[in-house]
């Protein structure tokens, strides 16, 4: 059922709609960050008085949000935007439409309540 809805919605994105919305919010909030490139794909990111190190190649940030969620945090997103790349390419494969469809293709059918069991 869910996979039919995903196909029927005419998705043009490789990630699910809920995650795309979340990424747009993160991208908007990343405007508050300033990033400075260093060496080896690493960046120093400042937001207010806080400072983080983002490693684009390893998909890590010292805030650990990227590693925990699989979605680039605002610190990483500011770097991705600075590099003129699409932040959807830095999202875990578990948020892809293909993975979603594969997960729910064998969903369980609904069951009647106990009172009407044979």
N, C-alpha and C. Protein backbone atom coordinates (compact mmCIF):
# COMPACT_ATOMS: atom_id res chain seq x y z
N UNK A 1 0.82 -1.19 0.00
CA UNK A 1 0.00 0.00 0.00
C UNK A 1 0.87 1.26 0.00
N UNK A 2 1.82 1.32 0.95
CA UNK A 2 2.68 2.50 1.03
C UNK A 2 3.49 2.67 -0.25
N UNK A 3 4.00 1.55 -0.78
CA UNK A 3 4.82 1.65 -1.99
C UNK A 3 3.99 2.14 -3.17
N UNK A 4 2.71 1.74 -3.23
CA UNK A 4 1.83 2.22 -4.29
C UNK A 4 1.63 3.72 -4.17
N UNK A 5 1.50 4.20 -2.92
CA UNK A 5 1.34 5.64 -2.71
C UNK A 5 2.59 6.39 -3.12
N UNK A 6 3.75 5.82 -2.82
CA UNK A 6 5.01 6.47 -3.20
C UNK A 6 5.11 6.59 -4.71
N UNK A 7 4.76 5.50 -5.43
CA UNK A 7 4.82 5.55 -6.89
C UNK A 7 3.72 6.46 -7.45
N UNK A 8 2.53 6.41 -6.85
CA UNK A 8 1.41 7.18 -7.35
C UNK A 8 1.60 8.68 -7.15
N UNK A 9 2.41 9.05 -6.17
CA UNK A 9 2.59 10.47 -5.90
C UNK A 9 3.47 11.15 -6.95
N UNK A 10 4.06 10.36 -7.85
CA UNK A 10 4.88 10.93 -8.91
C UNK A 10 6.16 11.55 -8.40
N UNK A 11 6.78 10.90 -7.44
CA UNK A 11 8.00 11.44 -6.84
C UNK A 11 9.10 11.60 -7.88
N UNK A 12 9.73 12.74 -7.84
CA UNK A 12 10.87 12.97 -8.73
C UNK A 12 12.17 12.96 -7.94
N UNK A 13 12.05 12.86 -6.63
CA UNK A 13 13.23 12.88 -5.76
C UNK A 13 13.64 11.47 -5.40
N UNK A 14 14.90 11.32 -5.03
CA UNK A 14 15.39 10.01 -4.62
C UNK A 14 15.18 9.77 -3.13
N UNK A 15 14.77 10.80 -2.37
CA UNK A 15 14.51 10.63 -0.95
C UNK A 15 13.04 10.87 -0.65
N UNK A 16 12.60 10.38 0.49
CA UNK A 16 11.18 10.46 0.84
C UNK A 16 10.76 11.91 1.10
N UNK A 17 9.49 12.22 0.90
CA UNK A 17 9.02 13.60 1.05
C UNK A 17 9.25 14.19 2.44
N UNK A 18 9.06 13.41 3.49
CA UNK A 18 9.25 13.92 4.85
C UNK A 18 10.70 14.34 5.08
N UNK A 19 11.63 13.54 4.58
CA UNK A 19 13.06 13.86 4.73
C UNK A 19 13.43 15.05 3.86
N UNK A 20 12.84 15.15 2.68
CA UNK A 20 13.10 16.31 1.82
C UNK A 20 12.67 17.59 2.53
N UNK A 21 11.52 17.58 3.18
CA UNK A 21 11.04 18.74 3.93
C UNK A 21 12.00 19.07 5.07
N UNK A 22 12.46 18.05 5.77
CA UNK A 22 13.42 18.26 6.86
C UNK A 22 14.72 18.86 6.33
N UNK A 23 15.19 18.38 5.19
CA UNK A 23 16.42 18.91 4.59
C UNK A 23 16.27 20.37 4.20
N UNK A 24 15.11 20.74 3.70
CA UNK A 24 14.88 22.15 3.34
C UNK A 24 14.95 23.04 4.58
N UNK A 25 14.41 22.55 5.69
CA UNK A 25 14.48 23.30 6.95
C UNK A 25 15.92 23.42 7.43
N UNK A 26 16.68 22.33 7.36
CA UNK A 26 18.08 22.34 7.76
C UNK A 26 18.87 23.30 6.87
N UNK A 27 18.61 23.25 5.58
CA UNK A 27 19.31 24.13 4.64
C UNK A 27 19.04 25.60 4.97
N UNK A 28 17.79 25.90 5.28
CA UNK A 28 17.43 27.27 5.64
C UNK A 28 18.17 27.71 6.91
N UNK A 29 18.19 26.86 7.92
CA UNK A 29 18.85 27.18 9.19
C UNK A 29 20.37 27.24 9.07
N UNK A 30 20.92 26.59 8.07
CA UNK A 30 22.38 26.57 7.92
C UNK A 30 22.92 27.94 7.52
N UNK A 31 22.06 28.86 7.16
CA UNK A 31 22.50 30.21 6.81
C UNK A 31 23.14 30.90 8.00
N UNK A 32 22.87 30.41 9.22
CA UNK A 32 23.43 30.99 10.43
C UNK A 32 24.88 30.57 10.67
N UNK A 33 25.36 29.62 9.90
CA UNK A 33 26.71 29.08 10.06
C UNK A 33 27.70 29.79 9.14
N UNK A 34 28.93 29.86 9.60
CA UNK A 34 30.03 30.29 8.74
C UNK A 34 31.03 29.14 8.69
N UNK A 35 31.47 28.82 7.50
CA UNK A 35 32.39 27.69 7.37
C UNK A 35 33.70 28.12 6.73
N UNK A 36 34.74 27.45 7.17
CA UNK A 36 36.08 27.71 6.64
C UNK A 36 36.66 26.37 6.22
N UNK A 37 37.01 26.22 4.96
CA UNK A 37 37.61 24.97 4.53
C UNK A 37 39.01 24.82 5.12
N UNK A 38 39.36 23.60 5.47
CA UNK A 38 40.71 23.31 5.94
C UNK A 38 41.32 22.30 4.97
N UNK A 39 41.86 21.20 5.45
CA UNK A 39 42.48 20.22 4.56
C UNK A 39 41.70 18.91 4.56
N UNK A 40 41.82 18.17 3.47
CA UNK A 40 41.24 16.83 3.39
C UNK A 40 39.74 16.75 3.49
N UNK A 41 39.02 17.73 2.97
CA UNK A 41 37.56 17.70 3.00
C UNK A 41 36.98 18.06 4.35
N UNK A 42 37.78 18.64 5.22
CA UNK A 42 37.29 19.05 6.54
C UNK A 42 37.03 20.56 6.55
N UNK A 43 36.07 20.94 7.38
CA UNK A 43 35.68 22.33 7.51
C UNK A 43 35.54 22.69 8.98
N UNK A 44 35.85 23.91 9.29
CA UNK A 44 35.59 24.46 10.61
C UNK A 44 34.32 25.28 10.48
N UNK A 45 33.32 24.97 11.29
CA UNK A 45 32.03 25.63 11.18
C UNK A 45 31.72 26.34 12.49
N UNK A 46 31.38 27.61 12.40
CA UNK A 46 31.00 28.39 13.57
C UNK A 46 29.53 28.75 13.47
N UNK A 47 28.86 28.64 14.60
CA UNK A 47 27.48 29.09 14.71
C UNK A 47 27.36 29.70 16.11
N UNK A 48 27.20 30.99 16.13
CA UNK A 48 27.23 31.69 17.41
C UNK A 48 28.60 31.53 18.04
N UNK A 49 28.64 31.10 19.30
CA UNK A 49 29.90 30.88 19.99
C UNK A 49 30.39 29.45 19.86
N UNK A 50 29.61 28.60 19.24
CA UNK A 50 29.98 27.19 19.09
C UNK A 50 30.80 26.98 17.83
N UNK A 51 31.64 25.96 17.88
CA UNK A 51 32.50 25.63 16.74
C UNK A 51 32.53 24.11 16.56
N UNK A 52 32.41 23.66 15.33
CA UNK A 52 32.37 22.24 15.01
C UNK A 52 33.31 21.93 13.86
N UNK A 53 33.73 20.69 13.78
CA UNK A 53 34.54 20.22 12.67
C UNK A 53 33.69 19.25 11.86
N UNK A 54 33.57 19.52 10.57
CA UNK A 54 32.80 18.67 9.66
C UNK A 54 33.77 18.02 8.68
N UNK A 55 33.64 16.70 8.53
CA UNK A 55 34.42 15.97 7.54
C UNK A 55 33.45 15.48 6.47
N UNK A 56 33.45 16.16 5.34
CA UNK A 56 32.52 15.84 4.26
C UNK A 56 32.75 14.42 3.72
N UNK A 57 34.00 14.02 3.58
CA UNK A 57 34.31 12.70 3.02
C UNK A 57 33.85 11.56 3.92
N UNK A 58 33.94 11.75 5.22
CA UNK A 58 33.55 10.70 6.17
C UNK A 58 32.10 10.84 6.64
N UNK A 59 31.43 11.89 6.21
CA UNK A 59 30.05 12.19 6.62
C UNK A 59 29.95 12.27 8.14
N UNK A 60 30.83 13.07 8.74
CA UNK A 60 30.82 13.22 10.19
C UNK A 60 30.87 14.69 10.58
N UNK A 61 30.38 14.97 11.77
CA UNK A 61 30.43 16.29 12.37
C UNK A 61 30.64 16.08 13.86
N UNK A 62 31.39 16.97 14.49
CA UNK A 62 31.63 16.79 15.92
C UNK A 62 30.37 17.00 16.75
N UNK A 63 29.30 17.50 16.16
CA UNK A 63 28.02 17.56 16.87
C UNK A 63 27.39 16.16 16.96
N UNK A 64 27.88 15.24 16.13
CA UNK A 64 27.46 13.84 16.04
C UNK A 64 26.03 13.66 15.51
N UNK A 65 25.36 14.71 15.18
CA UNK A 65 23.99 14.63 14.67
C UNK A 65 23.93 13.91 13.33
N UNK A 66 24.90 14.17 12.46
CA UNK A 66 24.92 13.56 11.14
C UNK A 66 25.07 12.05 11.25
N UNK A 67 25.96 11.60 12.12
CA UNK A 67 26.20 10.17 12.29
C UNK A 67 24.99 9.47 12.91
N UNK A 68 24.32 10.14 13.84
CA UNK A 68 23.20 9.53 14.55
C UNK A 68 21.97 9.42 13.66
N UNK A 69 21.66 10.49 12.91
CA UNK A 69 20.42 10.50 12.13
C UNK A 69 20.59 10.04 10.69
N UNK A 70 21.79 10.17 10.14
CA UNK A 70 21.98 9.87 8.72
C UNK A 70 21.57 11.01 7.81
N UNK A 71 21.22 12.14 8.43
CA UNK A 71 20.83 13.34 7.69
C UNK A 71 21.83 14.43 8.04
N UNK A 72 22.33 15.12 7.03
CA UNK A 72 23.34 16.15 7.29
C UNK A 72 22.78 17.21 8.23
N UNK A 73 23.58 17.56 9.25
CA UNK A 73 23.19 18.59 10.21
C UNK A 73 23.39 19.96 9.59
N UNK A 74 23.01 21.02 10.31
CA UNK A 74 23.13 22.36 9.74
C UNK A 74 24.58 22.72 9.49
N UNK A 75 25.49 22.18 10.29
CA UNK A 75 26.92 22.47 10.12
C UNK A 75 27.40 21.88 8.80
N UNK A 76 27.06 20.62 8.57
CA UNK A 76 27.44 19.95 7.32
C UNK A 76 26.73 20.58 6.13
N UNK A 77 25.48 20.93 6.32
CA UNK A 77 24.70 21.52 5.23
C UNK A 77 25.31 22.84 4.77
N UNK A 78 25.84 23.61 5.70
CA UNK A 78 26.47 24.88 5.30
C UNK A 78 27.68 24.61 4.41
N UNK A 79 28.41 23.53 4.68
CA UNK A 79 29.56 23.17 3.85
C UNK A 79 29.12 22.64 2.49
N UNK A 80 28.10 21.84 2.51
CA UNK A 80 27.58 21.27 1.26
C UNK A 80 27.11 22.39 0.34
N UNK A 81 26.41 23.35 0.92
CA UNK A 81 25.96 24.51 0.15
C UNK A 81 27.15 25.33 -0.35
N UNK A 82 28.17 25.51 0.50
CA UNK A 82 29.37 26.25 0.12
C UNK A 82 30.06 25.59 -1.07
N UNK A 83 30.02 24.24 -1.14
CA UNK A 83 30.65 23.50 -2.24
C UNK A 83 29.74 23.42 -3.47
N UNK A 84 28.56 24.07 -3.41
CA UNK A 84 27.58 24.03 -4.51
C UNK A 84 27.15 22.61 -4.85
N UNK A 85 26.91 21.81 -3.83
CA UNK A 85 26.43 20.45 -4.04
C UNK A 85 25.03 20.31 -3.46
N UNK A 86 24.37 19.23 -3.84
CA UNK A 86 23.01 18.95 -3.38
C UNK A 86 23.07 18.16 -2.08
N UNK A 87 22.42 18.66 -1.03
CA UNK A 87 22.50 17.97 0.26
C UNK A 87 21.76 16.63 0.27
N UNK A 88 20.91 16.37 -0.71
CA UNK A 88 20.23 15.07 -0.75
C UNK A 88 21.21 13.93 -1.06
N UNK A 89 22.34 14.25 -1.68
CA UNK A 89 23.32 13.20 -1.99
C UNK A 89 24.12 12.79 -0.76
N UNK A 90 23.97 13.53 0.34
CA UNK A 90 24.69 13.23 1.57
C UNK A 90 23.79 12.59 2.63
N UNK A 91 22.59 12.16 2.23
CA UNK A 91 21.63 11.54 3.14
C UNK A 91 21.81 10.03 3.08
N UNK A 92 21.62 9.38 4.21
CA UNK A 92 21.74 7.93 4.27
C UNK A 92 20.78 7.26 3.29
N UNK A 93 21.20 6.13 2.74
CA UNK A 93 20.37 5.39 1.78
C UNK A 93 19.07 4.89 2.41
N UNK A 94 19.01 4.86 3.74
CA UNK A 94 17.81 4.38 4.42
C UNK A 94 16.64 5.34 4.27
N UNK A 95 16.89 6.55 3.83
CA UNK A 95 15.82 7.52 3.60
C UNK A 95 15.43 7.61 2.13
N UNK A 96 15.93 6.72 1.32
CA UNK A 96 15.62 6.76 -0.11
C UNK A 96 14.24 6.17 -0.38
N UNK A 97 13.65 6.60 -1.46
CA UNK A 97 12.35 6.06 -1.86
C UNK A 97 12.46 4.57 -2.14
N UNK A 98 13.56 4.16 -2.77
CA UNK A 98 13.76 2.73 -3.07
C UNK A 98 13.77 1.89 -1.80
N UNK A 99 14.47 2.35 -0.77
CA UNK A 99 14.53 1.61 0.48
C UNK A 99 13.16 1.57 1.14
N UNK A 100 12.44 2.68 1.10
CA UNK A 100 11.10 2.74 1.67
C UNK A 100 10.18 1.72 0.99
N UNK A 101 10.22 1.69 -0.32
CA UNK A 101 9.38 0.76 -1.07
C UNK A 101 9.76 -0.68 -0.76
N UNK A 102 11.05 -0.96 -0.71
CA UNK A 102 11.52 -2.31 -0.39
C UNK A 102 11.09 -2.72 1.02
N UNK A 103 11.11 -1.80 1.95
CA UNK A 103 10.74 -2.10 3.34
C UNK A 103 9.26 -2.46 3.45
N UNK A 104 8.41 -1.73 2.77
CA UNK A 104 6.97 -1.91 2.93
C UNK A 104 6.30 -2.74 1.84
N UNK A 105 7.07 -3.37 0.96
CA UNK A 105 6.44 -4.13 -0.12
C UNK A 105 5.72 -5.37 0.39
N UNK A 106 6.15 -5.91 1.51
CA UNK A 106 5.51 -7.10 2.08
C UNK A 106 4.81 -6.77 3.39
N UNK A 107 4.15 -5.63 3.44
CA UNK A 107 3.46 -5.21 4.65
C UNK A 107 2.34 -6.18 5.01
N UNK A 108 2.04 -6.27 6.29
CA UNK A 108 0.98 -7.16 6.76
C UNK A 108 -0.39 -6.59 6.43
N UNK A 109 -1.29 -7.49 6.11
CA UNK A 109 -2.68 -7.09 5.88
C UNK A 109 -3.33 -6.80 7.23
N UNK A 110 -4.33 -5.92 7.28
CA UNK A 110 -5.00 -5.65 8.55
C UNK A 110 -5.77 -6.87 9.04
N UNK A 111 -5.93 -6.97 10.35
CA UNK A 111 -6.63 -8.10 10.97
C UNK A 111 -7.88 -7.63 11.68
N UNK A 112 -8.88 -8.51 11.73
CA UNK A 112 -10.08 -8.24 12.51
C UNK A 112 -9.75 -8.37 13.98
N UNK A 113 -10.58 -7.75 14.82
CA UNK A 113 -10.40 -7.84 16.27
C UNK A 113 -10.72 -9.23 16.80
N UNK A 114 -10.30 -9.49 18.02
CA UNK A 114 -10.45 -10.81 18.66
C UNK A 114 -11.90 -11.29 18.73
N UNK A 115 -12.82 -10.37 18.91
CA UNK A 115 -14.23 -10.73 19.09
C UNK A 115 -14.81 -11.47 17.87
N UNK A 116 -14.27 -11.25 16.69
CA UNK A 116 -14.84 -11.90 15.51
C UNK A 116 -13.90 -12.95 14.92
N UNK A 117 -12.94 -13.41 15.71
CA UNK A 117 -12.11 -14.51 15.25
C UNK A 117 -12.94 -15.78 15.26
N UNK A 118 -12.65 -16.72 14.35
CA UNK A 118 -13.42 -17.98 14.33
C UNK A 118 -13.15 -18.82 15.58
